[in-house]
Amino acid sequence: MTEEDIEMWKKPNCAGGMSFSYAMLKGERGNKVILAILSDVHGNMNALEAVLHDISMKRQVDAFILLGDLIDYGPHSNEVIARIKAIDRPILCNIYGNHEDAIIKQNYERFSSDRGRKSAGYTRQILKRESFNYIQNQMSEDACLEFTVADRKCLAVHGSLDDRYWGRIQPGDELNDYYIYDYVFSGHSHEPHFFEKYYKVENLRTRNRKKTIFINPGSVGQPRNINNHAQYAIIDTDTESLNMIKIPYNIEEEMMSFSERQDLFYRDRLRIGV
């Protein structure tokens, strides 16, 4: 799979009037397309390297889906962006998270704590020009992307359709706005999930049901599900098989890289995964 296999063009709206890019990916094995889904790296280079090594050694991946928040909290925002740029597979989806949005716009009002606002301000100070350029030119500012993979209609959103940057999708939510999609990929919560929701439709072939699969891969670099491993997901679009993967990485080395100017709360929580 090469960059030439991906076509991208503008469509009129995503989730209520915002522009988005549409991409179509055709697999080398017909409808069998293997996607690596990563979210919320948060400047954790050791975690990202562990995930990418696991993918390169053990997985046959056609393309990547990146669900936002590459930066902030961790000490390696610039290094994470540089490593993402070096990925040797197509990046089908690369959307803003709330941290890219807040830091680029210098709007920190929605962070729930002073340490969150200070962390974002510090990250903005240390970001290199090439990191700014990558965020502004290679990531989708809308935090929302519709695309088709092997005839499956997909939505990627950092948060939710109600709040693309700060919202979250959870099992048990109403989720009626998502029935048109076959797959919904989301991040932000730092808690992995996989569930299927069935909607009533007029389709005798499927016994009047329509299925949408919801996937949150968890967080690569700031997990909050009481598990300190780097977390990501692999999906096979043909069989709908999903592998939620948790990879050990060198947490102590990452923690040692934190600056004294950073709030050590974000360092210490890595040890437990909360």
Protein backbone atom coordinates (compact mmCIF):
# COMPACT_ATOMS: atom_id res chain seq x y z
CA MET A 1 0.00 0.00 0.00
CA THR A 2 1.39 3.39 -1.02
CA GLU A 3 0.31 7.01 -0.78
CA GLU A 4 -0.94 6.68 -4.37
CA ASP A 5 -3.63 4.27 -3.14
CA ILE A 6 -5.28 7.10 -1.19
CA GLU A 7 -7.48 9.68 -2.87
CA MET A 8 -8.43 12.76 -0.86
CA TRP A 9 -10.77 15.59 -1.70
CA LYS A 10 -13.08 18.04 0.07
CA LYS A 11 -16.67 17.30 0.98
CA PRO A 12 -19.22 19.83 2.22
CA ASN A 13 -19.57 18.99 5.89
CA CYS A 14 -18.79 16.77 8.86
CA ALA A 15 -21.06 16.73 11.88
CA GLY A 16 -23.05 19.87 11.33
CA GLY A 17 -21.48 22.04 8.70
CA MET A 18 -17.73 21.76 9.23
CA SER A 19 -15.55 20.84 6.24
CA PHE A 20 -13.78 17.52 6.18
CA SER A 21 -11.59 15.41 3.93
CA TYR A 22 -12.87 12.23 2.36
CA ALA A 23 -10.43 9.40 1.68
CA MET A 24 -10.89 6.05 -0.02
CA LEU A 25 -8.49 3.20 0.68
CA LYS A 26 -8.43 0.09 -1.47
CA GLY A 27 -6.59 -2.88 0.00
CA GLU A 28 -4.08 -5.08 -1.77
CA ARG A 29 -6.19 -8.05 -0.64
CA GLY A 30 -9.57 -6.80 -1.83
CA ASN A 31 -11.84 -5.93 1.08
CA LYS A 32 -9.26 -7.13 3.60
CA VAL A 33 -7.67 -3.92 4.87
CA ILE A 34 -5.71 -3.92 8.13
CA LEU A 35 -5.72 -0.62 10.02
CA ALA A 36 -3.63 0.42 13.01
CA ILE A 37 -5.58 2.81 15.24
CA LEU A 38 -3.62 5.12 17.56
CA SER A 39 -4.82 7.93 19.80
CA ASP A 40 -3.57 10.22 22.56
CA VAL A 41 0.19 9.72 22.30
CA HIS A 42 0.66 12.89 24.39
CA GLY A 43 4.35 13.41 23.82
CA ASN A 44 5.35 9.96 25.09
CA MET A 45 8.15 8.86 22.75
CA ASN A 46 9.02 5.60 24.49
CA ALA A 47 5.40 4.46 24.32
CA LEU A 48 5.08 5.42 20.66
CA GLU A 49 8.29 3.62 19.72
CA ALA A 50 7.10 0.48 21.49
CA VAL A 51 3.82 0.56 19.58
CA LEU A 52 5.47 1.18 16.20
CA HIS A 53 8.02 -1.59 16.86
CA ASP A 54 5.22 -4.01 17.72
CA ILE A 55 3.41 -3.08 14.51
CA SER A 56 6.51 -3.45 12.33
CA MET A 57 7.48 -6.81 13.81
CA LYS A 58 4.11 -8.51 14.27
CA ARG A 59 1.37 -6.85 12.20
CA GLN A 60 0.64 -6.55 8.50
CA VAL A 61 -0.76 -3.04 8.45
CA ASP A 62 -2.05 -1.27 5.34
CA ALA A 63 -2.59 2.17 6.87
CA PHE A 64 -2.79 4.17 10.09
CA ILE A 65 -5.64 6.04 11.73
CA LEU A 66 -4.46 8.77 14.13
CA LEU A 67 -7.15 10.17 16.39
CA GLY A 68 -5.46 13.26 17.82
CA ASP A 69 -3.52 14.53 20.83
CA LEU A 70 -0.06 13.65 19.58
CA ILE A 71 1.31 16.38 21.82
CA ASP A 72 1.34 17.81 25.38
CA TYR A 73 1.60 16.30 28.88
CA GLY A 74 4.69 14.27 27.95
CA PRO A 75 8.24 15.56 27.38
CA HIS A 76 8.62 14.57 23.71
CA SER A 77 6.01 16.40 21.64
CA ASN A 78 8.55 17.39 18.95
CA GLU A 79 10.08 13.92 18.81
CA VAL A 80 6.64 12.29 18.54
CA ILE A 81 5.72 14.45 15.56
CA ALA A 82 9.07 13.72 13.89
CA ARG A 83 8.51 9.98 14.39
CA ILE A 84 4.97 10.13 13.05
CA LYS A 85 6.32 11.85 9.93
CA ALA A 86 8.66 8.89 9.39
CA ILE A 87 5.94 6.20 9.40
CA ASP A 88 6.35 4.13 6.25
CA ARG A 89 2.66 3.36 5.72
CA PRO A 90 -0.10 5.71 4.55
CA ILE A 91 -1.72 7.77 7.29
CA LEU A 92 -5.34 7.59 6.22
CA CYS A 93 -6.64 9.79 9.00
CA ASN A 94 -4.74 12.35 11.10
CA ILE A 95 -7.05 14.61 13.08
CA TYR A 96 -6.62 17.26 15.75
CA GLY A 97 -7.29 16.46 19.37
CA ASN A 98 -8.31 19.03 21.95
CA HIS A 99 -4.65 19.64 22.80
CA GLU A 100 -3.63 20.51 19.23
CA ASP A 101 -6.65 22.77 18.99
CA ALA A 102 -5.99 24.54 22.31
CA ILE A 103 -2.26 24.97 21.76
CA ILE A 104 -2.47 26.19 18.18
CA LYS A 105 -5.23 28.67 19.08
CA GLN A 106 -3.73 29.53 22.50
CA ASN A 107 -7.12 28.98 24.07
CA TYR A 108 -6.77 27.05 27.33
CA GLU A 109 -10.12 27.91 28.93
CA ARG A 110 -11.63 24.44 28.72
CA PHE A 111 -8.86 22.66 30.62
CA SER A 112 -10.24 21.54 33.96
CA SER A 113 -7.17 22.51 36.03
CA ASP A 114 -4.42 25.11 36.24
CA ARG A 115 -1.82 22.39 35.72
CA GLY A 116 -3.52 21.43 32.46
CA ARG A 117 -3.43 25.03 31.26
CA LYS A 118 0.20 25.42 32.33
CA SER A 119 1.16 22.18 30.59
CA ALA A 120 -0.40 23.34 27.33
CA GLY A 121 1.35 26.70 27.62
CA TYR A 122 4.69 24.99 28.24
CA THR A 123 4.20 22.67 25.27
CA ARG A 124 3.49 25.63 23.01
CA GLN A 125 6.74 27.25 24.16
CA ILE A 126 8.88 24.22 23.32
CA LEU A 127 7.24 23.22 20.02
CA LYS A 128 9.58 23.68 17.07
CA ARG A 129 8.56 25.47 13.91
CA GLU A 130 8.43 22.20 11.98
CA SER A 131 6.08 20.76 14.62
CA PHE A 132 3.75 23.74 14.27
CA ASN A 133 3.88 23.35 10.50
CA TYR A 134 3.03 19.66 10.73
CA ILE A 135 0.06 20.24 13.03
CA GLN A 136 -1.32 23.08 10.94
CA ASN A 137 -0.72 21.57 7.50
CA GLN A 138 -0.86 17.78 7.93
CA MET A 139 -3.55 17.31 10.58
CA SER A 140 -7.28 17.90 10.14
CA GLU A 141 -8.24 20.90 12.27
CA ASP A 142 -11.88 19.83 12.46
CA ALA A 143 -10.98 16.84 14.68
CA CYS A 144 -13.44 14.92 12.50
CA LEU A 145 -12.99 12.93 9.29
CA GLU A 146 -15.29 10.78 7.18
CA PHE A 147 -13.73 8.21 4.87
CA THR A 148 -14.45 4.93 3.14
CA VAL A 149 -12.33 1.80 3.55
CA ALA A 150 -13.15 -1.26 1.46
CA ASP A 151 -16.73 -0.03 0.99
CA ARG A 152 -17.19 0.57 4.73
CA LYS A 153 -18.26 4.07 5.71
CA CYS A 154 -16.13 5.32 8.60
CA LEU A 155 -16.10 8.27 10.97
CA ALA A 156 -13.07 9.34 12.96
CA VAL A 157 -13.63 11.95 15.65
CA HIS A 158 -11.40 12.84 18.56
CA GLY A 159 -14.29 13.39 20.95
CA SER A 160 -17.87 13.01 19.70
CA LEU A 161 -20.19 14.56 17.15
CA ASP A 162 -21.68 16.72 19.91
CA ASP A 163 -18.23 18.07 20.84
CA ARG A 164 -15.48 17.04 18.46
CA TYR A 165 -12.60 18.16 20.71
CA TRP A 166 -13.79 17.58 24.29
CA GLY A 167 -16.71 15.16 24.05
CA ARG A 168 -16.56 11.41 24.45
CA ILE A 169 -18.41 8.39 23.12
CA GLN A 170 -19.35 5.77 25.68
CA PRO A 171 -21.31 2.51 25.69
CA GLY A 172 -24.84 3.22 26.80
CA ASP A 173 -25.03 6.62 25.12
CA GLU A 174 -27.95 7.18 22.72
CA LEU A 175 -25.65 7.47 19.67
CA ASN A 176 -28.45 7.89 17.12
CA ASP A 177 -26.38 10.31 15.03
CA TYR A 178 -23.92 7.55 14.15
CA TYR A 179 -26.24 5.07 12.44
CA ILE A 180 -25.07 5.98 8.93
CA TYR A 181 -21.52 4.73 9.66
CA ASP A 182 -20.14 1.21 9.64
CA TYR A 183 -17.21 2.13 11.90
CA VAL A 184 -16.82 4.97 14.40
CA PHE A 185 -13.29 5.56 15.71
CA SER A 186 -12.86 7.93 18.66
CA GLY A 187 -10.32 8.86 21.32
CA HIS A 188 -10.00 11.50 24.06
CA SER A 189 -11.23 9.40 27.00
CA HIS A 190 -7.93 7.44 27.28
CA GLU A 191 -10.12 4.41 28.02
CA PRO A 192 -10.40 1.72 25.33
CA HIS A 193 -13.73 0.39 24.21
CA PHE A 194 -15.26 -1.84 21.55
CA PHE A 195 -18.97 -2.34 21.12
CA GLU A 196 -21.60 -2.83 18.41
CA LYS A 197 -24.87 -0.93 18.24
CA TYR A 198 -27.86 -2.05 16.17
CA TYR A 199 -30.31 0.40 14.63
CA LYS A 200 -33.77 -0.28 13.23
CA VAL A 201 -33.90 0.19 9.47
CA GLU A 202 -36.00 -1.09 6.58
CA ASN A 203 -33.81 -3.85 5.18
CA LEU A 204 -35.24 -7.35 4.94
CA ARG A 205 -31.84 -8.83 4.06
CA THR A 206 -30.46 -7.83 7.49
CA ARG A 207 -33.77 -8.43 9.29
CA ASN A 208 -34.33 -4.68 9.53
CA ARG A 209 -31.17 -4.01 11.48
CA LYS A 210 -28.14 -1.83 10.74
CA LYS A 211 -24.88 -2.29 12.66
CA THR A 212 -22.31 0.32 13.67
CA ILE A 213 -19.03 -0.73 15.30
CA PHE A 214 -17.55 1.71 17.83
CA ILE A 215 -13.82 1.56 18.64
CA ASN A 216 -11.69 3.59 21.02
CA PRO A 217 -8.11 2.22 21.03
CA GLY A 218 -7.21 3.77 24.37
CA SER A 219 -4.17 5.96 24.85
CA VAL A 220 -0.68 5.25 23.56
CA GLY A 221 1.05 7.61 25.96
CA GLN A 222 -1.30 8.55 28.84
CA PRO A 223 -3.50 5.50 29.57
CA ARG A 224 -6.17 6.01 32.23
CA ASN A 225 -7.70 2.56 32.50
CA ILE A 226 -5.50 1.46 35.42
CA ASN A 227 -3.09 -0.18 32.99
CA ASN A 228 0.30 1.44 32.38
CA HIS A 229 0.99 -0.20 29.00
CA ALA A 230 1.01 1.68 25.68
CA GLN A 231 -2.33 0.88 24.05
CA TYR A 232 -3.58 0.77 20.47
CA ALA A 233 -5.85 -1.32 18.23
CA ILE A 234 -5.71 -3.31 14.98
CA ILE A 235 -8.86 -3.85 12.90
CA ASP A 236 -9.39 -6.19 9.95
CA THR A 237 -12.17 -4.58 7.90
CA ASP A 238 -13.02 -7.85 6.14
CA THR A 239 -13.63 -10.08 9.15
CA GLU A 240 -14.32 -7.21 11.59
CA SER A 241 -11.76 -8.83 13.88
CA LEU A 242 -10.34 -6.40 16.43
CA ASN A 243 -7.19 -6.73 18.50
CA MET A 244 -6.91 -4.33 21.45
CA ILE A 245 -3.19 -4.38 22.14
CA LYS A 246 -1.31 -3.36 25.28
CA ILE A 247 2.48 -3.11 24.99
CA PRO A 248 5.03 -2.66 27.82
CA TYR A 249 7.51 0.14 27.33
CA ASN A 250 10.32 1.83 29.25
CA ILE A 251 8.24 3.96 31.59
CA GLU A 252 11.14 4.90 33.84
CA GLU A 253 13.17 6.27 30.93
CA GLU A 254 10.20 8.35 29.78
CA MET A 255 9.67 9.67 33.30
CA MET A 256 13.32 10.71 33.56
CA SER A 257 12.90 12.92 30.49
CA PHE A 258 10.38 15.25 32.14
CA SER A 259 11.56 18.82 32.62
CA GLU A 260 11.43 20.58 35.99
CA ARG A 261 9.18 23.07 34.22
CA GLN A 262 6.54 20.38 33.73
CA ASP A 263 3.97 19.39 36.33
CA LEU A 264 5.18 16.04 37.63
CA PHE A 265 1.60 14.88 38.03
CA TYR A 266 1.70 13.89 34.36
CA ARG A 267 4.98 12.06 34.91
CA ASP A 268 3.98 10.09 37.99
CA ARG A 269 0.62 8.87 36.65
CA LEU A 270 2.45 6.96 33.89
CA ARG A 271 3.63 4.41 36.44
CA ILE A 272 0.06 3.27 37.25
CA GLY A 273 -1.89 4.24 34.14
CA VAL A 274 -4.50 6.51 35.69
